[in-house]
Amino acid sequence: MSALIQCEDVWKIYRVGDVEVQALRGLSLTIEQGEFVAIMGSSGSGKSTLMNILGCLDQPTRGRYRLNGLEVDNLRPDQLAGIRNQQIGFVFQSFNLIPRTSALENAQLPLFYRGLSLKEQRAQAAAALGRVGLQGREHHYPTQLSGGQQQRVAIARALVTSPSLLLADEPTGNLDTQSSQEIMRILEALNRDEGITIILVTHEVDVAAYAAREIVIKDGQILTDRQTKARPMLSPVEA
């Protein structure tokens, strides 16, 4: 295994009026390819700030962040957008689907920037929907889908570009218990069977239990970092 994420002495400082807010304070972190990591912490702990930096949605005030060996902390906005489109999939609590667009069209949205033909886009989007168990639902609109099914569409949209990293920010926050378990089993299978690195932000202990590593953040620093179960071993074909 090799390091996918390397944070070295990362600080994130915001100014609110005359007040300086230190959201991250010298945080260092390494996450290897193929890990399933849960990041936990109370409101204001810095976990969302860290997620935004890991997802190239924001940049550190100081310190280094490497993704797949590439220094990304000083890249231009267009370069960061390219990294997000090529290497990172996002899953959010609120699904962020386009209401008047079918499941298939929602899933193929990231491919519009790839220069693929419409036929190729649709084929890849349909395949991604199949991976999350939504065969036959391709032409349903979000209002015709349950919350759990909408989150599956969001996961398919995140997978359609074959990212090396999947960031899930409270992915079960708007779901009932059964739907939450279904979504977490999907994420667990993607990590176990396909080797996708998953970083999950959650405040729910039972959701974090699906991950093999748990990191707790407090006041912008890592409070605890522990392995909770053995990491899955890929077969020789998958490795």
Protein backbone atom coordinates (compact mmCIF):
# COMPACT_ATOMS: atom_id res chain seq x y z
CA MET A 1 0.00 0.00 0.00
CA SER A 2 1.14 3.59 -0.65
CA ALA A 3 0.05 6.92 0.77
CA LEU A 4 -2.87 8.51 -1.05
CA ILE A 5 -3.19 11.45 1.34
CA GLN A 6 -0.41 13.22 3.23
CA CYS A 7 -1.10 16.27 5.38
CA GLU A 8 1.91 17.87 7.07
CA ASP A 9 1.42 20.57 9.72
CA VAL A 10 -1.77 21.84 8.06
CA TRP A 11 -3.31 25.02 9.43
CA LYS A 12 -6.53 26.69 8.33
CA ILE A 13 -7.16 30.15 9.72
CA TYR A 14 -10.24 32.25 9.02
CA ARG A 15 -10.80 35.89 9.89
CA VAL A 16 -14.26 36.84 11.15
CA GLY A 17 -14.18 40.58 11.56
CA ASP A 18 -11.26 41.24 13.92
CA VAL A 19 -11.31 37.69 15.25
CA GLU A 20 -8.91 34.99 14.00
CA VAL A 21 -10.42 31.50 13.99
CA GLN A 22 -8.00 28.56 13.86
CA ALA A 23 -10.13 25.80 12.30
CA LEU A 24 -7.13 23.45 11.88
CA ARG A 25 -4.02 23.74 14.02
CA GLY A 26 -0.93 21.94 12.77
CA LEU A 27 -2.74 18.77 11.75
CA SER A 28 -0.70 15.94 10.24
CA LEU A 29 -2.31 12.88 8.72
CA THR A 30 -1.48 10.03 6.34
CA ILE A 31 -4.12 7.85 4.69
CA GLU A 32 -3.07 4.95 2.49
CA GLN A 33 -4.74 3.75 -0.68
CA GLY A 34 -7.60 1.38 0.03
CA GLU A 35 -8.38 2.58 3.55
CA PHE A 36 -11.88 3.17 4.93
CA VAL A 37 -11.60 6.00 7.45
CA ALA A 38 -14.26 7.63 9.62
CA ILE A 39 -13.62 11.19 10.82
CA MET A 40 -15.59 12.21 13.89
CA GLY A 41 -15.85 15.29 16.05
CA SER A 42 -18.33 17.71 17.53
CA SER A 43 -19.62 20.78 15.71
CA GLY A 44 -16.75 23.24 15.27
CA SER A 45 -14.06 20.60 15.74
CA GLY A 46 -12.58 21.17 12.28
CA LYS A 47 -13.71 17.94 10.61
CA SER A 48 -15.65 19.70 7.81
CA THR A 49 -12.74 22.07 7.20
CA LEU A 50 -10.43 19.06 6.90
CA MET A 51 -12.85 17.38 4.50
CA ASN A 52 -12.94 20.49 2.31
CA ILE A 53 -9.15 20.56 2.13
CA LEU A 54 -8.88 16.83 1.39
CA GLY A 55 -11.47 17.29 -1.38
CA CYS A 56 -9.59 20.23 -2.91
CA LEU A 57 -12.55 22.51 -2.21
CA ASP A 58 -10.34 24.68 -0.01
CA GLN A 59 -6.63 25.13 0.62
CA PRO A 60 -4.57 25.29 3.82
CA THR A 61 -3.44 28.64 5.19
CA ARG A 62 -0.09 26.96 5.67
CA GLY A 63 1.30 23.44 5.68
CA ARG A 64 1.44 20.81 2.94
CA TYR A 65 -1.19 18.58 1.41
CA ARG A 66 -0.25 15.89 -1.11
CA LEU A 67 -2.81 13.80 -3.00
CA ASN A 68 -1.33 10.83 -4.84
CA GLY A 69 2.07 12.44 -4.41
CA LEU A 70 0.99 15.76 -5.96
CA GLU A 71 1.36 18.94 -3.92
CA VAL A 72 -2.07 20.54 -4.17
CA ASP A 73 -1.91 23.26 -1.53
CA ASN A 74 -0.78 25.97 -3.98
CA LEU A 75 -2.59 24.98 -7.16
CA ARG A 76 -4.82 27.35 -9.13
CA PRO A 77 -8.62 26.99 -8.90
CA ASP A 78 -8.84 25.47 -12.41
CA GLN A 79 -6.17 22.91 -11.49
CA LEU A 80 -8.06 22.00 -8.31
CA ALA A 81 -11.26 21.62 -10.34
CA GLY A 82 -9.46 19.20 -12.65
CA ILE A 83 -8.26 17.11 -9.71
CA ARG A 84 -11.78 16.99 -8.27
CA ASN A 85 -13.20 15.82 -11.58
CA GLN A 86 -10.49 13.23 -12.23
CA GLN A 87 -9.66 11.79 -8.82
CA ILE A 88 -12.34 12.56 -6.20
CA GLY A 89 -15.98 11.54 -5.78
CA PHE A 90 -18.25 13.42 -3.37
CA VAL A 91 -21.33 12.22 -1.48
CA PHE A 92 -23.23 14.74 0.65
CA GLN A 93 -25.94 14.57 3.28
CA SER A 94 -28.45 16.46 1.12
CA PHE A 95 -27.83 14.31 -2.03
CA ASN A 96 -27.45 17.46 -4.22
CA LEU A 97 -29.39 15.95 -7.14
CA ILE A 98 -30.92 18.08 -9.90
CA PRO A 99 -34.70 17.73 -9.33
CA ARG A 100 -35.89 17.84 -12.96
CA THR A 101 -33.21 15.46 -14.17
CA SER A 102 -33.43 11.67 -14.27
CA ALA A 103 -31.23 9.36 -12.22
CA LEU A 104 -29.23 8.54 -15.35
CA GLU A 105 -28.69 12.21 -16.22
CA ASN A 106 -27.71 13.04 -12.65
CA ALA A 107 -25.19 10.21 -12.63
CA GLN A 108 -23.64 11.19 -15.96
CA LEU A 109 -23.24 14.87 -15.04
CA PRO A 110 -19.49 14.66 -14.13
CA LEU A 111 -18.78 13.11 -17.54
CA PHE A 112 -19.89 16.20 -19.45
CA TYR A 113 -16.41 17.63 -18.81
CA ARG A 114 -14.59 14.53 -20.07
CA GLY A 115 -15.22 15.00 -23.79
CA LEU A 116 -16.99 11.66 -24.10
CA SER A 117 -19.79 11.02 -26.55
CA LEU A 118 -23.33 11.08 -25.19
CA LYS A 119 -23.56 7.32 -25.79
CA GLU A 120 -20.42 6.69 -23.72
CA GLN A 121 -21.65 8.99 -20.96
CA ARG A 122 -24.97 7.17 -20.72
CA ALA A 123 -23.32 3.74 -20.76
CA GLN A 124 -20.93 4.63 -17.93
CA ALA A 125 -23.70 6.29 -15.91
CA ALA A 126 -25.95 3.24 -16.33
CA ALA A 127 -23.11 0.99 -15.20
CA ALA A 128 -22.53 3.16 -12.11
CA LEU A 129 -26.24 3.01 -11.24
CA GLY A 130 -26.06 -0.77 -11.60
CA ARG A 131 -23.21 -0.91 -9.10
CA VAL A 132 -25.47 0.64 -6.45
CA GLY A 133 -28.48 -1.55 -7.23
CA LEU A 134 -30.58 0.89 -9.25
CA GLN A 135 -31.06 -1.11 -12.43
CA GLY A 136 -34.45 -0.23 -13.87
CA ARG A 137 -34.56 3.14 -12.10
CA GLU A 138 -32.42 5.02 -14.61
CA HIS A 139 -35.28 7.20 -15.87
CA HIS A 140 -36.86 7.96 -12.51
CA TYR A 141 -36.66 11.52 -11.21
CA PRO A 142 -35.50 12.29 -7.65
CA THR A 143 -39.11 12.92 -6.53
CA GLN A 144 -39.94 9.37 -7.64
CA LEU A 145 -37.18 7.87 -5.49
CA SER A 146 -36.89 7.27 -1.75
CA GLY A 147 -34.21 9.05 0.25
CA GLY A 148 -32.04 5.94 0.23
CA GLN A 149 -32.42 5.60 -3.54
CA GLN A 150 -31.55 9.26 -4.04
CA GLN A 151 -28.37 8.76 -2.05
CA ARG A 152 -27.57 5.73 -4.24
CA VAL A 153 -27.86 8.00 -7.29
CA ALA A 154 -25.47 10.41 -5.58
CA ILE A 155 -23.01 7.57 -4.96
CA ALA A 156 -23.31 6.47 -8.60
CA ARG A 157 -22.58 10.06 -9.68
CA ALA A 158 -19.49 10.01 -7.44
CA LEU A 159 -18.33 6.69 -8.93
CA VAL A 160 -18.89 7.45 -12.60
CA THR A 161 -15.45 9.03 -13.06
CA SER A 162 -13.68 6.06 -11.40
CA PRO A 163 -12.18 8.16 -8.58
CA SER A 164 -9.36 6.95 -6.37
CA LEU A 165 -10.93 8.76 -3.39
CA LEU A 166 -14.55 8.91 -2.23
CA LEU A 167 -15.45 11.59 0.33
CA ALA A 168 -18.76 11.07 2.12
CA ASP A 169 -19.95 13.95 4.33
CA GLU A 170 -22.71 12.72 6.69
CA PRO A 171 -24.11 10.48 3.90
CA THR A 172 -26.76 8.95 6.19
CA GLY A 173 -27.78 12.17 7.97
CA ASN A 174 -31.13 12.46 6.14
CA LEU A 175 -31.98 8.74 6.09
CA ASP A 176 -33.89 6.32 8.28
CA THR A 177 -32.09 3.44 9.98
CA GLN A 178 -32.72 0.84 7.28
CA SER A 179 -31.70 3.15 4.43
CA SER A 180 -28.62 4.21 6.40
CA GLN A 181 -27.56 0.60 6.78
CA GLU A 182 -28.08 -0.04 3.06
CA ILE A 183 -25.95 2.97 2.11
CA MET A 184 -23.18 1.98 4.50
CA ARG A 185 -23.16 -1.59 3.16
CA ILE A 186 -22.72 -0.17 -0.35
CA LEU A 187 -19.78 1.98 0.77
CA GLU A 188 -18.29 -0.96 2.66
CA ALA A 189 -18.53 -3.16 -0.46
CA LEU A 190 -16.96 -0.49 -2.68
CA ASN A 191 -14.02 -0.34 -0.29
CA ARG A 192 -13.73 -4.10 0.25
CA ASP A 193 -14.35 -5.34 -3.29
CA GLU A 194 -13.03 -2.47 -5.44
CA GLY A 195 -10.35 -1.00 -3.19
CA ILE A 196 -11.76 2.54 -3.33
CA THR A 197 -10.40 4.74 -0.56
CA ILE A 198 -13.30 6.13 1.47
CA ILE A 199 -13.22 8.96 3.98
CA LEU A 200 -16.44 9.34 5.91
CA VAL A 201 -17.39 12.31 8.08
CA THR A 202 -20.03 11.38 10.63
CA HIS A 203 -21.16 12.05 14.19
CA GLU A 204 -22.93 8.69 14.45
CA VAL A 205 -21.00 5.95 16.23
CA ASP A 206 -22.90 3.12 14.52
CA VAL A 207 -22.10 4.60 11.10
CA ALA A 208 -18.43 5.08 11.95
CA ALA A 209 -18.31 1.41 12.97
CA TYR A 210 -18.34 0.42 9.28
CA ALA A 211 -14.89 1.99 8.83
CA ALA A 212 -11.64 0.22 9.63
CA ARG A 213 -10.04 3.34 11.10
CA GLU A 214 -11.52 6.06 13.27
CA ILE A 215 -10.06 9.54 13.67
CA VAL A 216 -11.50 11.93 16.25
CA ILE A 217 -10.82 15.65 15.82
CA LYS A 218 -11.11 18.28 18.53
CA ASP A 219 -10.17 21.97 18.33
CA GLY A 220 -8.58 21.52 14.91
CA GLN A 221 -6.23 18.73 16.00
CA ILE A 222 -6.34 14.94 15.99
CA LEU A 223 -7.43 13.73 19.40
CA THR A 224 -7.34 9.98 18.66
CA ASP A 225 -6.48 7.87 15.62
CA ARG A 226 -7.05 4.13 15.88
CA GLN A 227 -7.62 1.04 13.79
CA THR A 228 -11.01 -0.46 14.62
CA LYS A 229 -10.78 -3.58 12.47
CA ALA A 230 -8.52 -5.25 9.95
CA ARG A 231 -8.35 -3.66 6.53
CA PRO A 232 -9.66 -5.78 3.65
CA MET A 233 -7.13 -7.60 1.50
CA LEU A 234 -7.61 -7.34 -2.24
CA SER A 235 -7.25 -10.46 -4.34
CA PRO A 236 -4.22 -10.62 -6.68
CA VAL A 237 -6.49 -9.70 -9.60
CA GLU A 238 -7.79 -6.59 -7.81
CA ALA A 239 -4.52 -5.47 -6.26
